[in-house]
């Protein structure tokens, strides 16, 4: 992983390493980040560790709007990180593709 000069984000590598409709976990500056590739090709990124009991969010069940933690079925919005099932929110990240088809993650300010 490297810093992407054009965006100031972190380059994670080719988008093909995340199959469509699934998620993969990456370590970005010491944080675990789950990157999801939705069926429409768009990307979302959240903290990879469930706020409830530390479950692996990247292994969760995914739809267009939420991911469900595989351990205790807490659901989290892919856009906001907020839980609809009472767990604490997850941190969100901006995920995009560069011109070469590589995933770029940007940390939110603050």
N, C-alpha and C. Protein backbone atom coordinates (compact mmCIF):
# COMPACT_ATOMS: atom_id res chain seq x y z
N UNK A 1 0.84 -1.17 0.00
CA UNK A 1 0.00 0.00 0.00
C UNK A 1 0.88 1.23 0.00
N UNK A 2 0.47 2.25 -0.73
CA UNK A 2 1.24 3.48 -0.79
C UNK A 2 0.30 4.68 -0.80
N UNK A 3 0.87 5.86 -0.60
CA UNK A 3 0.09 7.08 -0.68
C UNK A 3 -0.08 7.45 -2.14
N UNK A 4 -1.27 7.83 -2.50
CA UNK A 4 -1.59 8.21 -3.88
C UNK A 4 -1.40 9.71 -4.01
N UNK A 5 -0.39 10.11 -4.72
CA UNK A 5 0.01 11.52 -4.80
C UNK A 5 -1.09 12.43 -5.32
N UNK A 6 -1.86 11.97 -6.31
CA UNK A 6 -2.85 12.84 -6.94
C UNK A 6 -4.00 13.18 -6.00
N UNK A 7 -4.34 12.28 -5.09
CA UNK A 7 -5.51 12.51 -4.24
C UNK A 7 -5.16 12.64 -2.77
N UNK A 8 -3.95 12.30 -2.38
CA UNK A 8 -3.60 12.29 -0.97
C UNK A 8 -4.16 11.09 -0.25
N UNK A 9 -4.78 10.18 -0.99
CA UNK A 9 -5.36 8.97 -0.40
C UNK A 9 -4.34 7.84 -0.36
N UNK A 10 -4.80 6.69 0.04
CA UNK A 10 -3.95 5.50 0.15
C UNK A 10 -4.32 4.51 -0.95
N UNK A 11 -3.35 4.14 -1.73
CA UNK A 11 -3.53 3.22 -2.85
C UNK A 11 -3.52 1.79 -2.33
N UNK A 12 -4.61 1.04 -2.57
CA UNK A 12 -4.73 -0.33 -2.09
C UNK A 12 -4.47 -1.38 -3.14
N UNK A 13 -4.41 -1.00 -4.39
CA UNK A 13 -4.16 -1.95 -5.46
C UNK A 13 -5.38 -2.13 -6.35
N UNK A 14 -5.30 -3.08 -7.29
CA UNK A 14 -6.35 -3.25 -8.29
C UNK A 14 -7.72 -3.58 -7.69
N UNK A 15 -8.74 -3.00 -8.29
CA UNK A 15 -10.11 -3.24 -7.82
C UNK A 15 -10.51 -4.71 -7.95
N UNK A 16 -9.88 -5.44 -8.86
CA UNK A 16 -10.22 -6.85 -9.08
C UNK A 16 -9.96 -7.73 -7.85
N UNK A 17 -9.18 -7.24 -6.88
CA UNK A 17 -8.95 -8.03 -5.68
C UNK A 17 -10.18 -8.06 -4.76
N UNK A 18 -11.18 -7.23 -5.06
CA UNK A 18 -12.46 -7.26 -4.32
C UNK A 18 -13.53 -7.71 -5.31
N UNK A 19 -13.99 -8.96 -5.21
CA UNK A 19 -15.02 -9.43 -6.14
C UNK A 19 -16.31 -8.62 -6.03
N UNK A 20 -17.02 -8.50 -7.13
CA UNK A 20 -18.30 -7.79 -7.14
C UNK A 20 -19.24 -8.47 -6.15
N UNK A 21 -19.89 -7.65 -5.32
CA UNK A 21 -20.84 -8.16 -4.34
C UNK A 21 -20.20 -8.65 -3.05
N UNK A 22 -18.91 -8.36 -2.86
CA UNK A 22 -18.20 -8.82 -1.66
C UNK A 22 -17.37 -7.69 -1.07
N UNK A 23 -16.73 -8.01 0.07
CA UNK A 23 -15.85 -7.08 0.73
C UNK A 23 -14.51 -7.73 1.02
N UNK A 24 -13.50 -6.90 1.24
CA UNK A 24 -12.16 -7.37 1.62
C UNK A 24 -11.61 -6.40 2.65
N UNK A 25 -10.84 -6.93 3.59
CA UNK A 25 -10.24 -6.09 4.63
C UNK A 25 -8.82 -5.70 4.24
N UNK A 26 -8.46 -4.47 4.55
CA UNK A 26 -7.13 -3.92 4.30
C UNK A 26 -6.67 -3.20 5.57
N UNK A 27 -5.38 -3.08 5.73
CA UNK A 27 -4.83 -2.25 6.81
C UNK A 27 -4.33 -0.96 6.17
N UNK A 28 -4.86 0.17 6.63
CA UNK A 28 -4.52 1.48 6.09
C UNK A 28 -4.05 2.35 7.25
N UNK A 29 -2.78 2.69 7.27
CA UNK A 29 -2.21 3.50 8.35
C UNK A 29 -2.55 2.94 9.73
N UNK A 30 -2.50 1.63 9.87
CA UNK A 30 -2.77 0.99 11.15
C UNK A 30 -4.23 0.74 11.45
N UNK A 31 -5.15 1.25 10.63
CA UNK A 31 -6.59 1.00 10.79
C UNK A 31 -7.02 -0.13 9.88
N UNK A 32 -7.93 -0.97 10.36
CA UNK A 32 -8.51 -2.01 9.52
C UNK A 32 -9.72 -1.43 8.79
N UNK A 33 -9.68 -1.51 7.46
CA UNK A 33 -10.73 -0.93 6.62
C UNK A 33 -11.32 -2.02 5.75
N UNK A 34 -12.65 -2.11 5.73
CA UNK A 34 -13.36 -3.05 4.86
C UNK A 34 -13.80 -2.30 3.61
N UNK A 35 -13.39 -2.78 2.45
CA UNK A 35 -13.77 -2.18 1.18
C UNK A 35 -14.77 -3.12 0.50
N UNK A 36 -15.91 -2.56 0.10
CA UNK A 36 -16.97 -3.33 -0.55
C UNK A 36 -17.13 -2.86 -1.99
N UNK A 37 -17.30 -3.83 -2.88
CA UNK A 37 -17.55 -3.54 -4.30
C UNK A 37 -18.98 -3.97 -4.58
N UNK A 38 -19.86 -2.99 -4.73
CA UNK A 38 -21.27 -3.27 -4.94
C UNK A 38 -21.52 -3.79 -6.35
N UNK A 39 -22.69 -4.36 -6.53
CA UNK A 39 -23.02 -4.96 -7.83
C UNK A 39 -23.05 -3.94 -8.96
N UNK A 40 -23.27 -2.66 -8.63
CA UNK A 40 -23.25 -1.62 -9.66
C UNK A 40 -21.83 -1.12 -9.95
N UNK A 41 -20.83 -1.72 -9.28
CA UNK A 41 -19.44 -1.36 -9.49
C UNK A 41 -18.92 -0.28 -8.55
N UNK A 42 -19.81 0.37 -7.79
CA UNK A 42 -19.36 1.41 -6.87
C UNK A 42 -18.67 0.79 -5.66
N UNK A 43 -17.88 1.61 -4.97
CA UNK A 43 -17.13 1.16 -3.80
C UNK A 43 -17.63 1.87 -2.55
N UNK A 44 -17.58 1.16 -1.43
CA UNK A 44 -17.86 1.73 -0.12
C UNK A 44 -16.77 1.23 0.82
N UNK A 45 -16.47 1.99 1.86
CA UNK A 45 -15.46 1.57 2.82
C UNK A 45 -15.87 1.98 4.24
N UNK A 46 -15.72 1.03 5.15
CA UNK A 46 -16.07 1.22 6.56
C UNK A 46 -14.96 0.62 7.41
N UNK A 47 -15.01 0.93 8.69
CA UNK A 47 -14.14 0.22 9.63
C UNK A 47 -14.38 -1.27 9.45
N UNK A 48 -13.32 -2.06 9.47
CA UNK A 48 -13.45 -3.51 9.25
C UNK A 48 -13.76 -4.27 10.53
N UNK A 49 -13.90 -3.56 11.66
CA UNK A 49 -14.11 -4.20 12.95
C UNK A 49 -15.47 -3.76 13.50
N UNK A 50 -16.37 -4.71 13.72
CA UNK A 50 -17.70 -4.40 14.23
C UNK A 50 -17.60 -3.72 15.59
N UNK A 51 -18.39 -2.68 15.78
CA UNK A 51 -18.38 -1.94 17.03
C UNK A 51 -19.02 -2.73 18.18
N UNK A 52 -19.75 -3.79 17.87
CA UNK A 52 -20.39 -4.58 18.91
C UNK A 52 -19.42 -5.51 19.62
N UNK A 53 -18.81 -6.42 18.87
CA UNK A 53 -17.89 -7.38 19.48
C UNK A 53 -16.68 -7.67 18.60
N UNK A 54 -16.34 -6.75 17.71
CA UNK A 54 -15.12 -6.89 16.93
C UNK A 54 -15.20 -7.86 15.77
N UNK A 55 -16.41 -8.16 15.31
CA UNK A 55 -16.57 -9.09 14.19
C UNK A 55 -15.97 -8.56 12.90
N UNK A 56 -15.68 -9.47 11.96
CA UNK A 56 -15.05 -9.10 10.68
C UNK A 56 -16.07 -8.57 9.66
N UNK A 57 -16.24 -7.28 9.63
CA UNK A 57 -17.25 -6.65 8.77
C UNK A 57 -17.08 -7.01 7.30
N UNK A 58 -15.86 -7.14 6.81
CA UNK A 58 -15.63 -7.46 5.39
C UNK A 58 -16.21 -8.81 5.01
N UNK A 59 -16.42 -9.70 5.98
CA UNK A 59 -17.01 -11.03 5.71
C UNK A 59 -18.52 -11.03 5.82
N UNK A 60 -19.12 -9.86 6.05
CA UNK A 60 -20.56 -9.78 6.25
C UNK A 60 -21.36 -9.93 4.98
N UNK A 61 -22.67 -10.11 5.17
CA UNK A 61 -23.63 -10.18 4.07
C UNK A 61 -23.89 -8.75 3.60
N UNK A 62 -23.94 -8.57 2.30
CA UNK A 62 -23.96 -7.24 1.70
C UNK A 62 -25.16 -7.07 0.78
N UNK A 63 -25.77 -5.87 0.82
CA UNK A 63 -26.74 -5.49 -0.21
C UNK A 63 -26.39 -4.08 -0.66
N UNK A 64 -27.28 -3.39 -1.33
CA UNK A 64 -26.98 -2.05 -1.85
C UNK A 64 -26.78 -1.01 -0.77
N UNK A 65 -27.37 -1.23 0.42
CA UNK A 65 -27.37 -0.19 1.43
C UNK A 65 -26.68 -0.57 2.73
N UNK A 66 -26.62 -1.86 3.06
CA UNK A 66 -26.11 -2.27 4.36
C UNK A 66 -25.19 -3.49 4.26
N UNK A 67 -24.38 -3.63 5.29
CA UNK A 67 -23.61 -4.85 5.50
C UNK A 67 -24.02 -5.38 6.87
N UNK A 68 -24.14 -6.69 6.97
CA UNK A 68 -24.53 -7.33 8.22
C UNK A 68 -23.34 -8.11 8.77
N UNK A 69 -22.96 -7.80 10.00
CA UNK A 69 -21.83 -8.48 10.64
C UNK A 69 -22.12 -9.97 10.76
N UNK A 70 -21.17 -10.82 10.39
CA UNK A 70 -21.42 -12.26 10.43
C UNK A 70 -21.49 -12.85 11.84
N UNK A 71 -21.04 -12.13 12.86
CA UNK A 71 -21.07 -12.70 14.21
C UNK A 71 -22.42 -12.58 14.90
N UNK A 72 -22.97 -11.36 14.95
CA UNK A 72 -24.20 -11.15 15.72
C UNK A 72 -25.28 -10.42 14.93
N UNK A 73 -25.14 -10.35 13.63
CA UNK A 73 -26.12 -9.80 12.70
C UNK A 73 -26.47 -8.33 12.92
N UNK A 74 -25.53 -7.54 13.41
CA UNK A 74 -25.77 -6.10 13.45
C UNK A 74 -25.60 -5.55 12.04
N UNK A 75 -26.52 -4.67 11.64
CA UNK A 75 -26.52 -4.09 10.30
C UNK A 75 -25.98 -2.67 10.33
N UNK A 76 -25.17 -2.33 9.33
CA UNK A 76 -24.55 -1.01 9.24
C UNK A 76 -24.76 -0.43 7.85
N UNK A 77 -25.10 0.85 7.80
CA UNK A 77 -25.24 1.56 6.54
C UNK A 77 -23.89 1.67 5.85
N UNK A 78 -23.85 1.35 4.58
CA UNK A 78 -22.61 1.46 3.81
C UNK A 78 -22.23 2.93 3.56
N UNK A 79 -23.21 3.82 3.63
CA UNK A 79 -22.93 5.23 3.38
C UNK A 79 -22.56 6.00 4.64
N UNK A 80 -23.24 5.73 5.75
CA UNK A 80 -23.01 6.52 6.96
C UNK A 80 -22.28 5.77 8.06
N UNK A 81 -22.26 4.43 8.01
CA UNK A 81 -21.67 3.63 9.07
C UNK A 81 -22.59 3.43 10.25
N UNK A 82 -23.75 4.07 10.25
CA UNK A 82 -24.69 3.95 11.36
C UNK A 82 -25.36 2.57 11.37
N UNK A 83 -25.63 2.09 12.58
CA UNK A 83 -26.28 0.79 12.73
C UNK A 83 -27.79 0.96 12.85
N UNK A 84 -28.53 0.10 12.18
CA UNK A 84 -29.98 0.09 12.30
C UNK A 84 -30.42 -0.93 13.36
N UNK A 85 -29.46 -1.56 14.03
CA UNK A 85 -29.78 -2.62 14.99
C UNK A 85 -29.22 -2.32 16.38
N UNK A 86 -28.82 -1.09 16.65
CA UNK A 86 -28.43 -0.70 17.99
C UNK A 86 -26.95 -0.73 18.32
N UNK A 87 -26.10 -1.17 17.42
CA UNK A 87 -24.66 -1.15 17.67
C UNK A 87 -24.13 0.27 17.43
N UNK A 88 -22.95 0.56 17.95
CA UNK A 88 -22.34 1.86 17.69
C UNK A 88 -21.97 2.00 16.23
N UNK A 89 -21.84 3.21 15.73
CA UNK A 89 -21.53 3.43 14.31
C UNK A 89 -20.09 3.00 13.98
N UNK A 90 -19.89 2.74 12.71
CA UNK A 90 -18.57 2.44 12.18
C UNK A 90 -18.03 3.67 11.46
N UNK A 91 -16.73 3.84 11.48
CA UNK A 91 -16.09 4.93 10.75
C UNK A 91 -16.23 4.67 9.25
N UNK A 92 -16.48 5.70 8.49
CA UNK A 92 -16.57 5.58 7.03
C UNK A 92 -15.35 6.23 6.39
N UNK A 93 -15.05 5.78 5.20
CA UNK A 93 -13.93 6.29 4.42
C UNK A 93 -14.41 6.54 3.00
N UNK A 94 -13.77 7.47 2.32
CA UNK A 94 -14.08 7.69 0.91
C UNK A 94 -13.27 6.70 0.08
N UNK A 95 -13.95 5.89 -0.72
CA UNK A 95 -13.29 4.92 -1.59
C UNK A 95 -13.57 5.29 -3.04
N UNK A 96 -12.53 5.26 -3.85
CA UNK A 96 -12.68 5.58 -5.27
C UNK A 96 -11.67 4.79 -6.08
N UNK A 97 -11.77 4.94 -7.39
CA UNK A 97 -10.81 4.31 -8.30
C UNK A 97 -9.98 5.39 -8.96
N UNK A 98 -8.70 5.12 -9.13
CA UNK A 98 -7.87 6.05 -9.89
C UNK A 98 -7.97 5.69 -11.38
N UNK A 99 -7.26 6.40 -12.22
CA UNK A 99 -7.34 6.18 -13.67
C UNK A 99 -6.84 4.81 -14.11
N UNK A 100 -6.08 4.13 -13.25
CA UNK A 100 -5.55 2.81 -13.58
C UNK A 100 -6.39 1.67 -13.01
N UNK A 101 -7.53 2.00 -12.38
CA UNK A 101 -8.39 0.96 -11.82
C UNK A 101 -7.94 0.47 -10.46
N UNK A 102 -7.18 1.29 -9.74
CA UNK A 102 -6.75 0.95 -8.39
C UNK A 102 -7.67 1.60 -7.36
N UNK A 103 -7.89 0.90 -6.25
CA UNK A 103 -8.69 1.44 -5.16
C UNK A 103 -7.88 2.48 -4.40
N UNK A 104 -8.50 3.62 -4.13
CA UNK A 104 -7.88 4.68 -3.34
C UNK A 104 -8.81 4.98 -2.18
N UNK A 105 -8.25 4.95 -0.96
CA UNK A 105 -9.00 5.25 0.26
C UNK A 105 -8.52 6.57 0.83
N UNK A 106 -9.47 7.45 1.15
CA UNK A 106 -9.14 8.72 1.80
C UNK A 106 -9.78 8.74 3.17
N UNK A 107 -8.99 9.14 4.15
CA UNK A 107 -9.51 9.26 5.51
C UNK A 107 -10.31 10.53 5.63
N UNK A 108 -11.41 10.51 6.41
CA UNK A 108 -12.16 11.74 6.62
C UNK A 108 -11.34 12.72 7.46
N UNK A 109 -11.59 14.01 7.31
CA UNK A 109 -10.86 14.98 8.11
C UNK A 109 -11.12 14.77 9.61
N UNK A 110 -10.12 15.12 10.42
CA UNK A 110 -10.30 15.08 11.86
C UNK A 110 -9.87 13.89 12.49
